[in-house]
PDB file of N, CA and C in Angstrom:
ATOM      1  N   UNK A   1      -1.623  14.215  -5.622  1.00  0.00           N
ATOM      2  CA  UNK A   1      -1.879  12.777  -5.889  1.00  0.00           C
ATOM      3  C   UNK A   1      -2.985  13.159  -7.035  1.00  0.00           C
ATOM      4  N   UNK A   2      -3.013  12.275  -7.960  1.00  0.00           N
ATOM      5  CA  UNK A   2      -4.002  11.953  -8.651  1.00  0.00           C
ATOM      6  C   UNK A   2      -5.309  11.975  -8.488  1.00  0.00           C
ATOM      7  N   UNK A   3      -6.128  12.357  -9.447  1.00  0.00           N
ATOM      8  CA  UNK A   3      -7.693  12.267  -9.246  1.00  0.00           C
ATOM      9  C   UNK A   3      -8.055  10.994  -9.209  1.00  0.00           C
ATOM     10  N   UNK A   4      -7.500   9.941  -9.636  1.00  0.00           N
ATOM     11  CA  UNK A   4      -8.022   8.702  -9.785  1.00  0.00           C
ATOM     12  C   UNK A   4      -8.252   8.213  -8.428  1.00  0.00           C
ATOM     13  N   UNK A   5      -9.086   7.250  -8.316  1.00  0.00           N
ATOM     14  CA  UNK A   5      -9.845   6.663  -7.063  1.00  0.00           C
ATOM     15  C   UNK A   5      -8.660   6.028  -6.421  1.00  0.00           C
ATOM     16  N   UNK A   6      -8.102   5.011  -7.127  1.00  0.00           N
ATOM     17  CA  UNK A   6      -6.852   4.202  -6.224  1.00  0.00           C
ATOM     18  C   UNK A   6      -5.692   5.187  -6.115  1.00  0.00           C
ATOM     19  N   UNK A   7      -5.303   6.169  -6.625  1.00  0.00           N
ATOM     20  CA  UNK A   7      -4.489   7.572  -6.351  1.00  0.00           C
ATOM     21  C   UNK A   7      -5.011   8.006  -4.882  1.00  0.00           C
ATOM     22  N   UNK A   8      -5.979   8.114  -5.100  1.00  0.00           N
ATOM     23  CA  UNK A   8      -6.417   8.776  -3.669  1.00  0.00           C
ATOM     24  C   UNK A   8      -6.628   7.942  -2.510  1.00  0.00           C
ATOM     25  N   UNK A   9      -6.768   6.818  -2.634  1.00  0.00           N
ATOM     26  CA  UNK A   9      -6.855   5.795  -1.746  1.00  0.00           C
ATOM     27  C   UNK A   9      -5.432   5.463  -1.082  1.00  0.00           C
ATOM     28  N   UNK A  10      -4.641   5.413  -2.064  1.00  0.00           N
ATOM     29  CA  UNK A  10      -3.270   4.995  -1.694  1.00  0.00           C
ATOM     30  C   UNK A  10      -2.495   6.170  -1.127  1.00  0.00           C
ATOM     31  N   UNK A  11      -3.102   7.420  -1.410  1.00  0.00           N
ATOM     32  CA  UNK A  11      -2.546   8.559  -0.398  1.00  0.00           C
ATOM     33  C   UNK A  11      -3.192   8.504   0.648  1.00  0.00           C
ATOM     34  N   UNK A  12      -4.464   8.543   1.007  1.00  0.00           N
ATOM     35  CA  UNK A  12      -4.958   8.189   2.337  1.00  0.00           C
ATOM     36  C   UNK A  12      -4.554   7.069   3.146  1.00  0.00           C
ATOM     37  N   UNK A  13      -4.023   6.066   2.467  1.00  0.00           N
ATOM     38  CA  UNK A  13      -3.399   4.743   3.086  1.00  0.00           C
ATOM     39  C   UNK A  13      -2.268   5.289   3.755  1.00  0.00           C
ATOM     40  N   UNK A  14      -1.243   5.814   2.685  1.00  0.00           N
ATOM     41  CA  UNK A  14       0.068   6.357   3.458  1.00  0.00           C
ATOM     42  C   UNK A  14      -0.064   7.270   4.496  1.00  0.00           C
ATOM     43  N   UNK A  15      -0.995   8.207   4.739  1.00  0.00           N
ATOM     44  CA  UNK A  15      -1.258   9.039   5.575  1.00  0.00           C
ATOM     45  C   UNK A  15      -1.415   8.206   6.810  1.00  0.00           C
ATOM     46  N   UNK A  16      -2.176   7.172   6.762  1.00  0.00           N
ATOM     47  CA  UNK A  16      -2.726   6.451   8.099  1.00  0.00           C
ATOM     48  C   UNK A  16      -1.312   5.524   8.395  1.00  0.00           C
ATOM     49  N   UNK A  17      -0.558   5.044   7.548  1.00  0.00           N
ATOM     50  CA  UNK A  17       0.659   4.339   7.469  1.00  0.00           C
ATOM     51  C   UNK A  17       1.589   5.309   8.418  1.00  0.00           C
ATOM     52  N   UNK A  18       1.852   6.640   8.050  1.00  0.00           N
ATOM     53  CA  UNK A  18       2.755   7.646   8.755  1.00  0.00           C
ATOM     54  C   UNK A  18       2.224   7.747  10.053  1.00  0.00           C
ATOM     55  N   UNK A  19       0.937   7.913  10.371  1.00  0.00           N
ATOM     56  CA  UNK A  19       0.403   8.060  11.536  1.00  0.00           C
ATOM     57  C   UNK A  19       0.624   6.936  12.363  1.00  0.00           C
ATOM     58  N   UNK A  20       0.421   5.809  12.040  1.00  0.00           N
ATOM     59  CA  UNK A  20       0.613   4.438  12.531  1.00  0.00           C
ATOM     60  C   UNK A  20       1.875   4.320  13.076  1.00  0.00           C
ATOM     61  N   UNK A  21       2.861   4.610  12.252  1.00  0.00           N
ATOM     62  CA  UNK A  21       4.057   4.488  12.315  1.00  0.00           C
ATOM     63  C   UNK A  21       4.728   5.439  13.730  1.00  0.00           C
ATOM     64  N   UNK A  22       4.048   6.484  13.557  1.00  0.00           N
ATOM     65  CA  UNK A  22       4.839   7.465  14.706  1.00  0.00           C
ATOM     66  C   UNK A  22       4.133   6.970  15.924  1.00  0.00           C
ATOM     67  N   UNK A  23       2.779   6.532  16.123  1.00  0.00           N
ATOM     68  CA  UNK A  23       2.118   5.844  17.215  1.00  0.00           C
ATOM     69  C   UNK A  23       2.951   4.858  17.737  1.00  0.00           C
ATOM     70  N   UNK A  24       3.327   3.908  16.788  1.00  0.00           N
ATOM     71  CA  UNK A  24       4.175   2.740  17.157  1.00  0.00           C
ATOM     72  C   UNK A  24       5.159   3.008  17.764  1.00  0.00           C
ATOM     73  N   UNK A  25       6.349   3.925  17.286  1.00  0.00           N
ATOM     74  CA  UNK A  25       7.263   4.553  17.756  1.00  0.00           C
ATOM     75  C   UNK A  25       7.066   5.212  19.147  1.00  0.00           C
ATOM     76  N   UNK A  26       6.191   6.107  19.151  1.00  0.00           N
ATOM     77  CA  UNK A  26       6.014   7.013  20.510  1.00  0.00           C
ATOM     78  C   UNK A  26       5.425   5.871  21.628  1.00  0.00           C
ATOM     79  N   UNK A  27       4.336   5.258  21.263  1.00  0.00           N
ATOM     80  CA  UNK A  27       3.604   4.499  22.318  1.00  0.00           C
ATOM     81  C   UNK A  27       4.247   3.119  22.673  1.00  0.00           C
ATOM     82  N   UNK A  28       4.380   2.542  21.935  1.00  0.00           N
ATOM     83  CA  UNK A  28       4.827   1.010  21.542  1.00  0.00           C
ATOM     84  C   UNK A  28       6.399   1.044  21.672  1.00  0.00           C
ATOM     85  N   UNK A  29       7.008   1.832  21.348  1.00  0.00           N
ATOM     86  CA  UNK A  29       8.615   1.834  21.414  1.00  0.00           C
ATOM     87  C   UNK A  29       8.911   0.460  20.237  1.00  0.00           C
ATOM     88  N   UNK A  30       8.205   0.538  19.089  1.00  0.00           N
ATOM     89  CA  UNK A  30       8.495  -0.574  18.248  1.00  0.00           C
ATOM     90  C   UNK A  30       8.968   0.434  17.054  1.00  0.00           C
ATOM     91  N   UNK A  31      10.308  -0.084  16.451  1.00  0.00           N
ATOM     92  CA  UNK A  31      10.953   0.524  15.720  1.00  0.00           C
ATOM     93  C   UNK A  31      11.250  -0.253  14.147  1.00  0.00           C
ATOM     94  N   UNK A  32      11.375  -1.522  14.404  1.00  0.00           N
ATOM     95  CA  UNK A  32      11.698  -2.366  13.193  1.00  0.00           C
ATOM     96  C   UNK A  32      10.728  -2.641  12.403  1.00  0.00           C
ATOM     97  N   UNK A  33       9.680  -3.475  12.884  1.00  0.00           N
ATOM     98  CA  UNK A  33       8.456  -3.716  12.004  1.00  0.00           C
ATOM     99  C   UNK A  33       7.787  -2.709  11.502  1.00  0.00           C
ATOM    100  N   UNK A  34       7.534  -1.469  12.336  1.00  0.00           N
ATOM    101  CA  UNK A  34       6.855  -0.340  11.824  1.00  0.00           C
ATOM    102  C   UNK A  34       7.785   0.434  10.678  1.00  0.00           C
ATOM    103  N   UNK A  35       9.146   0.222  10.922  1.00  0.00           N
ATOM    104  CA  UNK A  35       9.703   0.903   9.871  1.00  0.00           C
ATOM    105  C   UNK A  35       9.507   0.241   8.274  1.00  0.00           C
ATOM    106  N   UNK A  36       9.286  -0.970   8.535  1.00  0.00           N
ATOM    107  CA  UNK A  36       9.177  -1.966   7.253  1.00  0.00           C
ATOM    108  C   UNK A  36       7.863  -1.503   6.804  1.00  0.00           C
ATOM    109  N   UNK A  37       6.864  -1.191   7.628  1.00  0.00           N
ATOM    110  CA  UNK A  37       5.407  -0.765   7.268  1.00  0.00           C
ATOM    111  C   UNK A  37       5.684   0.423   6.629  1.00  0.00           C
ATOM    112  N   UNK A  38       6.156   1.329   7.193  1.00  0.00           N
ATOM    113  CA  UNK A  38       6.284   2.791   6.850  1.00  0.00           C
ATOM    114  C   UNK A  38       6.852   2.955   5.340  1.00  0.00           C
ATOM    115  N   UNK A  39       7.826   1.909   4.877  1.00  0.00           N
ATOM    116  CA  UNK A  39       8.267   1.919   3.562  1.00  0.00           C
ATOM    117  C   UNK A  39       7.659   1.249   2.684  1.00  0.00           C
ATOM    118  N   UNK A  40       6.910   0.286   2.998  1.00  0.00           N
ATOM    119  CA  UNK A  40       5.872  -0.222   1.942  1.00  0.00           C
ATOM    120  C   UNK A  40       4.703   0.240   1.908  1.00  0.00           C
ATOM    121  N   UNK A  41       4.077   1.147   2.933  1.00  0.00           N
ATOM    122  CA  UNK A  41       2.751   1.526   2.742  1.00  0.00           C
ATOM    123  C   UNK A  41       2.839   2.788   2.292  1.00  0.00           C
ATOM    124  N   UNK A  42       3.828   3.512   2.079  1.00  0.00           N
ATOM    125  CA  UNK A  42       4.009   5.051   1.567  1.00  0.00           C
ATOM    126  C   UNK A  42       4.449   4.690  -0.005  1.00  0.00           C
ATOM    127  N   UNK A  43       4.932   3.588  -0.259  1.00  0.00           N
ATOM    128  CA  UNK A  43       5.677   3.266  -1.343  1.00  0.00           C
ATOM    129  C   UNK A  43       4.610   2.984  -2.622  1.00  0.00           C
ATOM    130  N   UNK A  44       3.438   2.731  -2.188  1.00  0.00           N
ATOM    131  CA  UNK A  44       2.270   2.143  -3.068  1.00  0.00           C
ATOM    132  C   UNK A  44       1.900   3.452  -4.047  1.00  0.00           C
ATOM    133  N   UNK A  45       1.720   4.790  -3.322  1.00  0.00           N
ATOM    134  CA  UNK A  45       1.162   5.722  -3.797  1.00  0.00           C
ATOM    135  C   UNK A  45       2.230   6.389  -4.687  1.00  0.00           C
ATOM    136  N   UNK A  46       3.338   6.465  -4.188  1.00  0.00           N
ATOM    137  CA  UNK A  46       4.687   6.976  -4.918  1.00  0.00           C
ATOM    138  C   UNK A  46       4.760   6.204  -6.183  1.00  0.00           C
ATOM    139  N   UNK A  47       4.750   4.683  -6.313  1.00  0.00           N
ATOM    140  CA  UNK A  47       4.749   4.254  -7.466  1.00  0.00           C
ATOM    141  C   UNK A  47       3.603   4.384  -8.411  1.00  0.00           C
ATOM    142  N   UNK A  48       2.477   4.688  -8.020  1.00  0.00           N
ATOM    143  CA  UNK A  48       1.310   5.021  -8.709  1.00  0.00           C
ATOM    144  C   UNK A  48       1.455   6.168  -9.289  1.00  0.00           C
ATOM    145  N   UNK A  49       2.248   7.344  -8.478  1.00  0.00           N
ATOM    146  CA  UNK A  49       2.312   8.625  -9.253  1.00  0.00           C
ATOM    147  C   UNK A  49       3.465   8.362 -10.173  1.00  0.00           C
ATOM    148  N   UNK A  50       4.530   7.595 -10.210  1.00  0.00           N
ATOM    149  CA  UNK A  50       5.375   7.480 -11.218  1.00  0.00           C
ATOM    150  C   UNK A  50       4.835   6.552 -12.325  1.00  0.00           C
ATOM    151  N   UNK A  51       3.894   6.013 -12.022  1.00  0.00           N
ATOM    152  CA  UNK A  51       2.911   4.945 -13.267  1.00  0.00           C
ATOM    153  C   UNK A  51       2.396   6.114 -14.121  1.00  0.00           C
ATOM    154  N   UNK A  52       1.768   7.142 -13.486  1.00  0.00           N
ATOM    155  CA  UNK A  52       0.923   8.021 -14.256  1.00  0.00           C
ATOM    156  C   UNK A  52       1.885   8.429 -15.627  1.00  0.00           C
ATOM    157  N   UNK A  53       3.048   8.665 -15.485  1.00  0.00           N
ATOM    158  CA  UNK A  53       3.903   9.218 -16.800  1.00  0.00           C
ATOM    159  C   UNK A  53       4.896   8.155 -17.026  1.00  0.00           C
ATOM    160  N   UNK A  54       4.516   7.136 -17.231  1.00  0.00           N
ATOM    161  CA  UNK A  54       5.430   6.042 -17.791  1.00  0.00           C
ATOM    162  C   UNK A  54       5.657   6.414 -19.136  1.00  0.00           C
ATOM    163  N   UNK A  55       7.094   5.305 -19.158  1.00  0.00           N
ATOM    164  CA  UNK A  55       7.551   5.809 -20.628  1.00  0.00           C
ATOM    165  C   UNK A  55       6.795   5.039 -21.605  1.00  0.00           C
ATOM    166  N   UNK A  56       6.094   4.025 -21.383  1.00  0.00           N
ATOM    167  CA  UNK A  56       5.227   2.857 -22.089  1.00  0.00           C
ATOM    168  C   UNK A  56       4.113   2.209 -21.421  1.00  0.00           C
ATOM    169  N   UNK A  57       3.420   1.719 -21.882  1.00  0.00           N
ATOM    170  CA  UNK A  57       2.300   0.723 -21.361  1.00  0.00           C
ATOM    171  C   UNK A  57       3.085  -0.100 -20.443  1.00  0.00           C
ATOM    172  N   UNK A  58       4.048  -0.614 -20.922  1.00  0.00           N
ATOM    173  CA  UNK A  58       4.975  -2.064 -20.139  1.00  0.00           C
ATOM    174  C   UNK A  58       5.379  -1.268 -18.773  1.00  0.00           C
ATOM    175  N   UNK A  59       5.934   0.064 -19.100  1.00  0.00           N
ATOM    176  CA  UNK A  59       6.341   0.853 -17.681  1.00  0.00           C
ATOM    177  C   UNK A  59       5.365   0.775 -16.883  1.00  0.00           C
ATOM    178  N   UNK A  60       4.373   1.385 -17.351  1.00  0.00           N
ATOM    179  CA  UNK A  60       3.111   1.576 -16.372  1.00  0.00           C
ATOM    180  C   UNK A  60       2.670   0.354 -15.636  1.00  0.00           C
ATOM    181  N   UNK A  61       2.732  -0.776 -16.520  1.00  0.00           N
ATOM    182  CA  UNK A  61       2.044  -2.012 -15.842  1.00  0.00           C
ATOM    183  C   UNK A  61       3.330  -2.403 -14.707  1.00  0.00           C
ATOM    184  N   UNK A  62       4.500  -2.204 -14.921  1.00  0.00           N
ATOM    185  CA  UNK A  62       5.937  -2.583 -14.310  1.00  0.00           C
ATOM    186  C   UNK A  62       5.389  -1.868 -12.717  1.00  0.00           C
ATOM    187  N   UNK A  63       5.323  -0.657 -12.988  1.00  0.00           N
ATOM    188  CA  UNK A  63       5.227   0.054 -11.754  1.00  0.00           C
ATOM    189  C   UNK A  63       4.100  -0.154 -10.667  1.00  0.00           C
ATOM    190  N   UNK A  64       2.602  -0.370 -11.532  1.00  0.00           N
ATOM    191  CA  UNK A  64       1.590  -0.664 -11.027  1.00  0.00           C
ATOM    192  C   UNK A  64       1.877  -2.330 -10.253  1.00  0.00           C
ATOM    193  N   UNK A  65       2.612  -3.252 -10.986  1.00  0.00           N
ATOM    194  CA  UNK A  65       2.955  -4.351 -10.155  1.00  0.00           C
ATOM    195  C   UNK A  65       3.820  -4.468  -8.865  1.00  0.00           C
ATOM    196  N   UNK A  66       4.785  -3.495  -9.120  1.00  0.00           N
ATOM    197  CA  UNK A  66       5.563  -3.163  -7.738  1.00  0.00           C
ATOM    198  C   UNK A  66       4.473  -2.653  -6.926  1.00  0.00           C
ATOM    199  N   UNK A  67       3.713  -1.689  -7.294  1.00  0.00           N
ATOM    200  CA  UNK A  67       2.892  -0.963  -6.315  1.00  0.00           C
ATOM    201  C   UNK A  67       2.012  -2.122  -5.659  1.00  0.00           C
ATOM    202  N   UNK A  68       1.566  -3.261  -6.142  1.00  0.00           N
ATOM    203  CA  UNK A  68       0.945  -4.318  -6.012  1.00  0.00           C
ATOM    204  C   UNK A  68       1.358  -4.992  -4.779  1.00  0.00           C
ATOM    205  N   UNK A  69       2.932  -5.534  -5.334  1.00  0.00           N
ATOM    206  CA  UNK A  69       3.480  -6.182  -4.307  1.00  0.00           C
ATOM    207  C   UNK A  69       3.943  -5.376  -3.085  1.00  0.00           C
ATOM    208  N   UNK A  70       4.047  -3.925  -2.875  1.00  0.00           N
ATOM    209  CA  UNK A  70       4.068  -3.315  -1.900  1.00  0.00           C
ATOM    210  C   UNK A  70       2.969  -3.439  -1.011  1.00  0.00           C
ATOM    211  N   UNK A  71       1.662  -3.126  -1.560  1.00  0.00           N
ATOM    212  CA  UNK A  71       0.539  -3.283  -0.821  1.00  0.00           C
ATOM    213  C   UNK A  71       0.286  -4.764  -0.265  1.00  0.00           C
ATOM    214  N   UNK A  72       0.747  -5.667  -0.998  1.00  0.00           N
ATOM    215  CA  UNK A  72       0.741  -7.080  -0.066  1.00  0.00           C
ATOM    216  C   UNK A  72       1.566  -7.017   0.934  1.00  0.00           C
ATOM    217  N   UNK A  73       2.890  -6.685   0.851  1.00  0.00           N
ATOM    218  CA  UNK A  73       3.989  -6.633   1.914  1.00  0.00           C
ATOM    219  C   UNK A  73       3.070  -5.710   3.131  1.00  0.00           C
ATOM    220  N   UNK A  74       2.718  -4.458   2.897  1.00  0.00           N
ATOM    221  CA  UNK A  74       1.927  -3.825   3.826  1.00  0.00           C
ATOM    222  C   UNK A  74       1.106  -4.872   4.627  1.00  0.00           C
ATOM    223  N   UNK A  75       0.298  -5.584   3.868  1.00  0.00           N
ATOM    224  CA  UNK A  75      -0.677  -6.252   4.489  1.00  0.00           C
ATOM    225  C   UNK A  75       0.004  -7.276   5.588  1.00  0.00           C
ATOM    226  N   UNK A  76       1.069  -7.663   4.964  1.00  0.00           N
ATOM    227  CA  UNK A  76       1.911  -8.659   5.910  1.00  0.00           C
ATOM    228  C   UNK A  76       2.263  -8.146   7.001  1.00  0.00           C
ATOM    229  N   UNK A  77       3.078  -7.288   7.122  1.00  0.00           N
ATOM    230  CA  UNK A  77       3.306  -6.430   8.362  1.00  0.00           C
ATOM    231  C   UNK A  77       2.349  -6.030   9.050  1.00  0.00           C
ATOM    232  N   UNK A  78       1.170  -5.564   8.625  1.00  0.00           N
ATOM    233  CA  UNK A  78       0.122  -5.167   9.486  1.00  0.00           C
ATOM    234  C   UNK A  78      -0.467  -6.429  10.333  1.00  0.00           C
ATOM    235  N   UNK A  79      -0.404  -7.563   9.572  1.00  0.00           N
ATOM    236  CA  UNK A  79      -0.884  -8.938  10.174  1.00  0.00           C
ATOM    237  C   UNK A  79       0.140  -9.498  11.450  1.00  0.00           C
ATOM    238  N   UNK A  80       1.446  -9.216  10.968  1.00  0.00           N
ATOM    239  CA  UNK A  80       2.577  -9.306  11.693  1.00  0.00           C
ATOM    240  C   UNK A  80       2.364  -8.347  13.144  1.00  0.00           C
ATOM    241  N   UNK A  81       2.222  -7.193  12.957  1.00  0.00           N
ATOM    242  CA  UNK A  81       2.054  -6.150  14.102  1.00  0.00           C
ATOM    243  C   UNK A  81       0.776  -6.596  14.854  1.00  0.00           C
ATOM    244  N   UNK A  82      -0.455  -7.108  14.274  1.00  0.00           N
ATOM    245  CA  UNK A  82      -1.560  -7.432  14.910  1.00  0.00           C
ATOM    246  C   UNK A  82      -1.305  -8.749  15.916  1.00  0.00           C
ATOM    247  N   UNK A  83      -0.621  -9.887  15.152  1.00  0.00           N
ATOM    248  CA  UNK A  83      -0.275 -10.967  15.766  1.00  0.00           C
ATOM    249  C   UNK A  83       0.904 -11.061  17.014  1.00  0.00           C
ATOM    250  N   UNK A  84       1.497  -9.860  16.865  1.00  0.00           N
ATOM    251  CA  UNK A  84       2.352  -9.658  18.321  1.00  0.00           C
ATOM    252  C   UNK A  84       1.933  -8.662  19.050  1.00  0.00           C
ATOM    253  N   UNK A  85       0.621  -8.412  18.862  1.00  0.00           N
ATOM    254  CA  UNK A  85       0.464  -7.596  20.206  1.00  0.00           C
ATOM    255  C   UNK A  85       0.162  -6.137  20.055  1.00  0.00           C
ATOM    256  N   UNK A  86       0.914  -5.912  18.973  1.00  0.00           N
ATOM    257  CA  UNK A  86       1.105  -4.099  18.800  1.00  0.00           C
ATOM    258  C   UNK A  86       0.309  -3.373  18.369  1.00  0.00           C
ATOM    259  N   UNK A  87      -0.932  -3.899  17.482  1.00  0.00           N
ATOM    260  CA  UNK A  87      -2.207  -3.305  17.322  1.00  0.00           C
ATOM    261  C   UNK A  87      -3.178  -4.182  17.423  1.00  0.00           C
ATOM    262  N   UNK A  88      -4.267  -3.728  17.803  1.00  0.00           N
ATOM    263  CA  UNK A  88      -5.466  -4.808  18.106  1.00  0.00           C
ATOM    264  C   UNK A  88      -6.493  -4.454  17.350  1.00  0.00           C
ATOM    265  N   UNK A  89      -7.492  -5.079  17.687  1.00  0.00           N
ATOM    266  CA  UNK A  89      -9.161  -4.925  17.107  1.00  0.00           C
ATOM    267  C   UNK A  89      -9.210  -3.861  16.027  1.00  0.00           C
ATOM    268  N   UNK A  90     -10.007  -3.068  16.476  1.00  0.00           N
ATOM    269  CA  UNK A  90     -10.486  -2.033  15.550  1.00  0.00           C
ATOM    270  C   UNK A  90      -9.461  -1.183  14.997  1.00  0.00           C
ATOM    271  N   UNK A  91      -8.379  -0.958  15.545  1.00  0.00           N
ATOM    272  CA  UNK A  91      -7.210  -0.489  14.693  1.00  0.00           C
ATOM    273  C   UNK A  91      -6.806  -1.384  13.442  1.00  0.00           C
ATOM    274  N   UNK A  92      -6.476  -2.586  13.872  1.00  0.00           N
ATOM    275  CA  UNK A  92      -6.258  -3.371  12.722  1.00  0.00           C
ATOM    276  C   UNK A  92      -7.217  -3.376  11.731  1.00  0.00           C
ATOM    277  N   UNK A  93      -8.318  -3.886  12.240  1.00  0.00           N
ATOM    278  CA  UNK A  93      -9.743  -4.186  11.235  1.00  0.00           C
ATOM    279  C   UNK A  93      -9.829  -3.142  10.090  1.00  0.00           C
ATOM    280  N   UNK A  94      -9.577  -1.896  10.703  1.00  0.00           N
ATOM    281  CA  UNK A  94      -9.815  -0.505   9.765  1.00  0.00           C
ATOM    282  C   UNK A  94      -8.968  -0.701   8.734  1.00  0.00           C
ATOM    283  N   UNK A  95      -7.687  -0.544   9.158  1.00  0.00           N
ATOM    284  CA  UNK A  95      -6.516  -0.111   8.366  1.00  0.00           C
ATOM    285  C   UNK A  95      -6.048  -1.736   7.101  1.00  0.00           C
ATOM    286  N   UNK A  96      -6.173  -2.831   7.814  1.00  0.00           N
ATOM    287  CA  UNK A  96      -6.545  -3.816   6.789  1.00  0.00           C
ATOM    288  C   UNK A  96      -7.442  -3.926   5.989  1.00  0.00           C
ATOM    289  N   UNK A  97      -8.380  -3.252   6.151  1.00  0.00           N
ATOM    290  CA  UNK A  97      -9.498  -3.131   5.379  1.00  0.00           C
ATOM    291  C   UNK A  97      -9.045  -2.475   4.027  1.00  0.00           C
ATOM    292  N   UNK A  98      -8.342  -1.251   4.425  1.00  0.00           N
ATOM    293  CA  UNK A  98      -8.073  -0.208   3.441  1.00  0.00           C
ATOM    294  C   UNK A  98      -6.979  -1.254   2.566  1.00  0.00           C
ATOM    295  N   UNK A  99      -6.056  -1.757   3.189  1.00  0.00           N
ATOM    296  CA  UNK A  99      -4.768  -2.477   2.463  1.00  0.00           C
ATOM    297  C   UNK A  99      -5.526  -3.282   1.416  1.00  0.00           C
ATOM    298  N   UNK A 100      -6.517  -4.246   1.954  1.00  0.00           N
ATOM    299  CA  UNK A 100      -7.324  -5.140   1.058  1.00  0.00           C
ATOM    300  C   UNK A 100      -7.925  -4.534  -0.153  1.00  0.00           C
ATOM    301  N   UNK A 101      -8.532  -3.274   0.057  1.00  0.00           N
ATOM    302  CA  UNK A 101      -9.090  -2.790  -1.127  1.00  0.00           C
ATOM    303  C   UNK A 101      -8.381  -2.256  -2.099  1.00  0.00           C
ATOM    304  N   UNK A 102      -7.237  -1.697  -1.520  1.00  0.00           N
ATOM    305  CA  UNK A 102      -6.129  -1.179  -2.538  1.00  0.00           C
ATOM    306  C   UNK A 102      -5.599  -2.469  -3.480  1.00  0.00           C
ATOM    307  N   UNK A 103      -5.200  -3.496  -2.805  1.00  0.00           N
ATOM    308  CA  UNK A 103      -4.899  -4.664  -3.274  1.00  0.00           C
ATOM    309  C   UNK A 103      -5.670  -5.429  -4.520  1.00  0.00           C
ATOM    310  N   UNK A 104      -7.089  -5.180  -4.137  1.00  0.00           N
ATOM    311  CA  UNK A 104      -7.777  -5.330  -5.014  1.00  0.00           C
ATOM    312  C   UNK A 104      -8.090  -4.725  -6.303  1.00  0.00           C
ATOM    313  N   UNK A 105      -8.026  -3.444  -6.191  1.00  0.00           N
ATOM    314  CA  UNK A 105      -8.185  -2.189  -7.016  1.00  0.00           C
ATOM    315  C   UNK A 105      -6.601  -2.481  -7.870  1.00  0.00           C
ATOM    316  N   UNK A 106      -5.775  -2.571  -7.583  1.00  0.00           N
ATOM    317  CA  UNK A 106      -4.294  -3.015  -8.160  1.00  0.00           C
ATOM    318  C   UNK A 106      -4.283  -4.102  -8.998  1.00  0.00           C
ATOM    319  N   UNK A 107      -4.858  -5.339  -8.661  1.00  0.00           N
ATOM    320  CA  UNK A 107      -5.122  -6.421  -9.275  1.00  0.00           C
ATOM    321  C   UNK A 107      -5.842  -6.184 -10.348  1.00  0.00           C
ATOM    322  N   UNK A 108      -6.989  -5.649 -10.369  1.00  0.00           N
ATOM    323  CA  UNK A 108      -8.010  -5.000 -11.374  1.00  0.00           C
ATOM    324  C   UNK A 108      -6.927  -4.356 -12.263  1.00  0.00           C
ATOM    325  N   UNK A 109      -6.422  -3.256 -12.119  1.00  0.00           N
ATOM    326  CA  UNK A 109      -5.629  -2.455 -12.887  1.00  0.00           C
ATOM    327  C   UNK A 109      -4.346  -3.496 -13.770  1.00  0.00           C
ATOM    328  N   UNK A 110      -3.795  -4.239 -13.036  1.00  0.00           N
ATOM    329  CA  UNK A 110      -2.669  -5.137 -13.617  1.00  0.00           C
ATOM    330  C   UNK A 110      -3.520  -5.978 -14.459  1.00  0.00           C
ATOM    331  N   UNK A 111      -4.714  -6.732 -14.276  1.00  0.00           N
ATOM    332  CA  UNK A 111      -5.260  -7.452 -15.135  1.00  0.00           C
ATOM    333  C   UNK A 111      -5.812  -6.909 -16.456  1.00  0.00           C
ATOM    334  N   UNK A 112      -6.484  -5.600 -16.392  1.00  0.00           N
ATOM    335  CA  UNK A 112      -7.061  -4.862 -17.405  1.00  0.00           C
ATOM    336  C   UNK A 112      -5.741  -4.391 -18.165  1.00  0.00           C
ATOM    337  N   UNK A 113      -4.851  -4.158 -17.890  1.00  0.00           N
ATOM    338  CA  UNK A 113      -3.509  -3.351 -18.557  1.00  0.00           C
ATOM    339  C   UNK A 113      -2.824  -4.612 -19.047  1.00  0.00           C
ATOM    340  N   UNK A 114      -2.672  -5.778 -18.391  1.00  0.00           N
ATOM    341  CA  UNK A 114      -2.260  -6.852 -19.450  1.00  0.00           C
ATOM    342  C   UNK A 114      -3.161  -7.348 -20.652  1.00  0.00           C
ATOM    343  N   UNK A 115      -4.444  -7.211 -20.117  1.00  0.00           N
ATOM    344  CA  UNK A 115      -5.305  -7.703 -21.525  1.00  0.00           C
ATOM    345  C   UNK A 115      -5.174  -6.826 -22.274  1.00  0.00           C
ATOM    346  N   UNK A 116      -5.124  -5.380 -22.269  1.00  0.00           N
ATOM    347  CA  UNK A 116      -4.721  -4.422 -23.337  1.00  0.00           C
ATOM    348  C   UNK A 116      -3.469  -4.751 -24.229  1.00  0.00           C
ATOM    349  N   UNK A 117      -2.413  -4.915 -23.382  1.00  0.00           N
ATOM    350  CA  UNK A 117      -1.465  -5.456 -23.968  1.00  0.00           C
ATOM    351  C   UNK A 117      -1.086  -6.733 -24.548  1.00  0.00           C
ATOM    352  N   UNK A 118      -2.136  -7.571 -24.500  1.00  0.00           N
ATOM    353  CA  UNK A 118      -1.940  -8.831 -24.937  1.00  0.00           C
ATOM    354  C   UNK A 118      -1.145  -9.881 -24.198  1.00  0.00           C
ATOM    355  N   UNK A 119      -0.790  -9.547 -23.141  1.00  0.00           N
ATOM    356  CA  UNK A 119       0.068 -10.618 -22.064  1.00  0.00           C
ATOM    357  C   UNK A 119      -0.697 -11.413 -21.504  1.00  0.00           C
TER     358      UNK A 119
END
C-alpha cells in the first residue's frame, strides 16, 4: 500500500474487516451481512491504490469518490451488525471509529481535489 496516511489506514481497516468477517462466519455463523461488509471494507484501499495511477485528476477524483461511498457503506453494515447483536460494545466502538476516520479523510481529499479542478 502507498505510504499515504489514508492508504495505510485503509489497508489496516481492510485487515480488521477480513478478521471480523472470519470471526463472524466462524463464531456467529453469520454469512450474508458479513460478506457485504467484507466487500465494501476491502474495496476502499483497492480503490485508493487504483487512484494513485489514475489517468487524470478526474479519474483520481472518481476513484476516491467511490472509495468514500464504500467507506460509508461499510459504516452502514457495521451499524447493522451492531444493532442486530452480532458485534457489541468495544468491538463495534473501535472499528466504527476507524470507518468514521476514513470517511472524514476521504471527504477532505474529495473536497480538496474538487477545488483544484474548479468543480
